[in-house]
Protein backbone atom coordinates (compact mmCIF):
# COMPACT_ATOMS: atom_id res chain seq x y z
CA MET A 1 39.82 -86.07 -11.81
CA PHE A 2 43.28 -84.52 -11.31
CA ARG A 3 44.72 -83.44 -14.83
CA TYR A 4 48.54 -83.81 -14.58
CA LYS A 5 50.30 -82.21 -17.41
CA LYS A 6 53.84 -83.56 -18.37
CA SER A 7 54.15 -80.57 -20.59
CA ALA A 8 54.46 -78.21 -17.51
CA SER A 9 57.33 -80.13 -16.89
CA SER A 10 59.11 -77.29 -14.66
CA VAL A 11 56.01 -77.98 -12.21
CA SER A 12 56.30 -81.10 -9.96
CA TYR A 13 53.28 -83.53 -9.77
CA ASN A 14 52.71 -82.44 -6.16
CA ARG A 15 52.67 -78.71 -7.07
CA GLN A 16 50.52 -79.40 -9.88
CA GLY A 17 47.96 -81.20 -7.71
CA TYR A 18 48.22 -78.09 -5.23
CA ILE A 19 47.32 -75.68 -8.32
CA TYR A 20 44.67 -78.04 -9.80
CA PHE A 21 42.76 -78.41 -6.42
CA TYR A 22 43.30 -74.70 -5.30
CA SER A 23 41.87 -73.71 -8.69
CA LEU A 24 38.91 -75.91 -8.62
CA LEU A 25 37.94 -74.04 -5.26
CA TYR A 26 37.62 -70.77 -7.04
CA ASN A 27 34.26 -70.13 -6.28
CA GLU A 28 34.81 -70.80 -2.45
CA LEU A 29 38.04 -68.67 -2.18
CA ASP A 30 37.84 -65.13 -0.93
CA GLU A 31 38.25 -62.12 -3.17
CA ASP A 32 41.91 -61.96 -2.86
CA GLY A 33 42.26 -65.66 -3.93
CA ARG A 34 39.89 -65.27 -6.96
CA GLU A 35 41.75 -62.15 -8.06
CA TYR A 36 45.12 -64.01 -7.87
CA ILE A 37 43.77 -66.70 -10.15
CA ARG A 38 42.01 -64.27 -12.48
CA LYS A 39 45.58 -62.41 -12.62
CA ILE A 40 47.59 -65.59 -13.41
CA ALA A 41 44.80 -66.51 -16.25
CA LYS A 42 45.20 -63.20 -17.73
CA GLN A 43 49.03 -63.25 -17.77
CA ALA A 44 49.08 -66.76 -19.11
CA GLY A 45 46.05 -66.85 -21.58
CA GLY A 46 46.44 -63.14 -22.85
CA ASP A 47 43.35 -62.91 -25.16
CA TYR A 48 42.17 -66.34 -24.15
CA ALA A 49 42.14 -65.74 -20.35
CA ASP A 50 38.60 -66.69 -20.16
CA ALA A 51 39.44 -70.10 -21.68
CA VAL A 52 42.15 -70.52 -19.31
CA LEU A 53 40.00 -69.60 -16.47
CA ALA A 54 37.17 -71.77 -17.49
CA TYR A 55 39.52 -74.77 -18.08
CA VAL A 56 41.23 -74.50 -14.46
CA THR A 57 38.47 -73.46 -12.16
CA THR A 58 35.79 -75.83 -13.49
CA ASP A 59 35.48 -79.71 -14.30
CA ASP A 60 34.82 -78.72 -17.82
CA GLY A 61 36.85 -80.85 -20.43
CA GLU A 62 39.19 -79.35 -23.06
CA THR A 63 36.63 -80.15 -25.95
CA LYS A 64 33.67 -78.04 -24.09
CA VAL A 65 36.08 -75.03 -23.23
CA CYS A 66 37.42 -75.10 -26.63
CA ARG A 67 34.21 -75.02 -28.23
CA GLU A 68 32.81 -72.26 -26.02
CA HIS A 69 35.93 -70.20 -26.26
CA ASN A 70 36.86 -70.56 -29.79
CA ILE A 71 40.44 -71.75 -29.04
CA ASP A 72 42.19 -74.75 -30.42
CA ARG A 73 43.49 -77.64 -27.99
CA ALA A 74 47.17 -76.81 -28.53
CA THR A 75 46.71 -73.34 -27.79
CA LEU A 76 44.93 -73.83 -24.53
CA PHE A 77 47.16 -76.47 -23.34
CA ARG A 78 50.21 -73.93 -23.84
CA ALA A 79 48.38 -71.40 -21.95
CA VAL A 80 47.32 -73.85 -19.17
CA ALA A 81 51.14 -74.93 -18.83
CA ARG A 82 52.15 -71.35 -18.57
CA TYR A 83 49.47 -70.87 -15.91
CA TYR A 84 50.81 -73.85 -13.87
CA GLU A 85 54.32 -72.30 -14.22
CA MET A 86 53.46 -68.96 -13.06
CA PHE A 87 51.27 -70.06 -10.17
């Protein structure tokens, strides 16, 4: 299910949809595409880059990602909003 984020207000609904579905195709992308996603996740997430990467490239919900990466929900959502803005 497409996760529309109002908090990424500078990113239009259609652009968020593109980013969301492109990111979900992570495992099917060539190495350049995967590297691009990893680079943006690193820039947006910093120490929490792995959590951002897990959240945007899988269907895992925020609860699972937060628990597995020891990150609180608000921090994850701020990092994901930055990811969308930087994409």
